[in-house]
């Protein structure tokens, strides 16, 4: 039987891995770094500009979504790059689809902010 962490030990361990992943993403992915700094600017603005609690949530959720999608896109790129440097149509498609997901999340952010603030 595998010796697995349970309870608080598992949560602490998972948190440590998550922070390690965010640190790696910040250090190695320029897009994530830019989006993180954008989120640092937009978060306080969401609290200032949102008139209601619902508005604030609807302004904040797309910010987190952009960061989440960028982390997943970076993970896809890392796995594809780990497999090999030679071009393969499926590797290119995977990277392009990850990029498309980031673009869609950024589009959602812009549309959400425009609708709520205008």
Protein backbone atom coordinates (compact mmCIF):
# COMPACT_ATOMS: atom_id res chain seq x y z
CA UNK A 1 0.00 0.00 0.00
CA UNK A 2 1.27 3.43 -0.96
CA UNK A 3 2.11 5.75 1.95
CA UNK A 4 -0.10 8.76 1.21
CA UNK A 5 -0.35 11.98 3.11
CA UNK A 6 -3.74 12.69 4.62
CA UNK A 7 -5.51 15.55 6.33
CA UNK A 8 -3.63 18.74 7.04
CA UNK A 9 -0.32 17.24 5.88
CA UNK A 10 -1.79 16.60 2.42
CA UNK A 11 -3.22 20.13 2.21
CA UNK A 12 0.10 21.69 3.19
CA UNK A 13 1.94 19.51 0.68
CA UNK A 14 -0.52 20.38 -2.11
CA UNK A 15 -0.22 24.10 -1.28
CA UNK A 16 3.57 23.82 -1.47
CA UNK A 17 3.37 22.23 -4.94
CA UNK A 18 0.91 24.91 -6.08
CA UNK A 19 3.21 27.73 -4.94
CA UNK A 20 6.14 25.99 -6.67
CA UNK A 21 4.10 25.87 -9.89
CA UNK A 22 3.12 29.54 -9.66
CA UNK A 23 6.73 30.53 -8.98
CA UNK A 24 7.97 28.52 -11.97
CA UNK A 25 5.27 30.02 -14.19
CA UNK A 26 6.13 33.55 -13.06
CA UNK A 27 9.85 33.02 -13.62
CA UNK A 28 9.59 31.29 -17.00
CA UNK A 29 6.48 32.69 -18.71
CA UNK A 30 6.47 36.35 -19.73
CA UNK A 31 2.75 36.27 -20.55
CA UNK A 32 1.87 34.98 -17.07
CA UNK A 33 4.04 37.66 -15.48
CA UNK A 34 2.29 40.39 -17.52
CA UNK A 35 -1.16 39.02 -16.72
CA UNK A 36 -0.33 38.73 -13.03
CA UNK A 37 0.77 42.36 -12.89
CA UNK A 38 -2.35 43.35 -14.83
CA UNK A 39 -4.43 41.49 -12.25
CA UNK A 40 -2.65 43.34 -9.43
CA UNK A 41 -3.79 46.60 -11.04
CA UNK A 42 -7.31 45.41 -11.91
CA UNK A 43 -8.21 43.81 -8.56
CA UNK A 44 -8.31 47.05 -6.57
CA UNK A 45 -10.09 48.73 -9.48
CA UNK A 46 -12.76 46.03 -9.37
CA UNK A 47 -13.45 46.88 -5.73
CA UNK A 48 -13.48 50.62 -6.45
CA UNK A 49 -15.54 50.54 -9.64
CA UNK A 50 -17.99 47.75 -8.86
CA UNK A 51 -21.16 49.31 -7.51
CA UNK A 52 -22.52 46.15 -5.90
CA UNK A 53 -21.07 42.94 -4.53
CA UNK A 54 -22.28 41.17 -7.66
CA UNK A 55 -20.50 43.70 -9.87
CA UNK A 56 -17.29 43.23 -7.90
CA UNK A 57 -17.46 39.44 -8.26
CA UNK A 58 -18.25 39.72 -11.98
CA UNK A 59 -15.20 41.95 -12.43
CA UNK A 60 -12.87 39.74 -10.36
CA UNK A 61 -13.81 36.28 -11.70
CA UNK A 62 -12.53 36.89 -15.25
CA UNK A 63 -9.22 38.16 -13.83
CA UNK A 64 -8.68 34.86 -12.04
CA UNK A 65 -9.89 32.96 -15.10
CA UNK A 66 -7.18 34.57 -17.25
CA UNK A 67 -4.51 33.54 -14.73
CA UNK A 68 -5.88 30.00 -14.45
CA UNK A 69 -6.02 29.53 -18.21
CA UNK A 70 -2.50 30.94 -18.62
CA UNK A 71 -1.14 28.48 -16.05
CA UNK A 72 -2.85 25.60 -17.87
CA UNK A 73 -1.55 26.87 -21.23
CA UNK A 74 1.97 27.02 -19.79
CA UNK A 75 1.58 23.46 -18.49
CA UNK A 76 0.51 22.28 -21.96
CA UNK A 77 3.49 24.03 -23.54
CA UNK A 78 5.87 22.49 -20.99
CA UNK A 79 4.60 18.98 -21.67
CA UNK A 80 4.77 19.45 -25.43
CA UNK A 81 8.30 20.86 -25.19
CA UNK A 82 9.33 17.98 -22.91
CA UNK A 83 8.26 15.46 -25.54
CA UNK A 84 10.58 16.90 -28.17
CA UNK A 85 11.67 19.91 -30.19
CA UNK A 86 10.81 18.51 -33.61
CA UNK A 87 7.65 19.88 -35.17
CA UNK A 88 4.54 17.73 -35.10
CA UNK A 89 1.11 18.92 -36.23
CA UNK A 90 -0.53 17.74 -32.98
CA UNK A 91 2.10 19.49 -30.84
CA UNK A 92 1.50 22.70 -32.76
CA UNK A 93 -2.26 22.25 -32.47
CA UNK A 94 -2.02 21.71 -28.69
CA UNK A 95 0.01 24.89 -28.26
CA UNK A 96 -2.31 26.85 -30.56
CA UNK A 97 -5.40 25.65 -28.69
CA UNK A 98 -3.85 26.64 -25.37
CA UNK A 99 -3.10 30.06 -26.82
CA UNK A 100 -6.67 30.30 -28.11
CA UNK A 101 -7.97 29.51 -24.61
CA UNK A 102 -5.90 32.37 -23.19
CA UNK A 103 -7.18 34.72 -25.89
CA UNK A 104 -10.78 33.70 -25.16
CA UNK A 105 -10.32 34.30 -21.43
CA UNK A 106 -8.81 37.74 -22.10
CA UNK A 107 -11.71 38.53 -24.44
CA UNK A 108 -14.15 37.52 -21.69
CA UNK A 109 -12.31 39.81 -19.28
CA UNK A 110 -12.57 42.79 -21.60
CA UNK A 111 -16.23 42.16 -22.49
CA UNK A 112 -17.18 41.66 -18.83
CA UNK A 113 -15.50 44.87 -17.75
CA UNK A 114 -17.03 46.84 -20.63
CA UNK A 115 -20.55 45.57 -19.94
CA UNK A 116 -20.38 46.20 -16.21
CA UNK A 117 -18.64 49.57 -16.34
CA UNK A 118 -20.47 51.11 -19.32
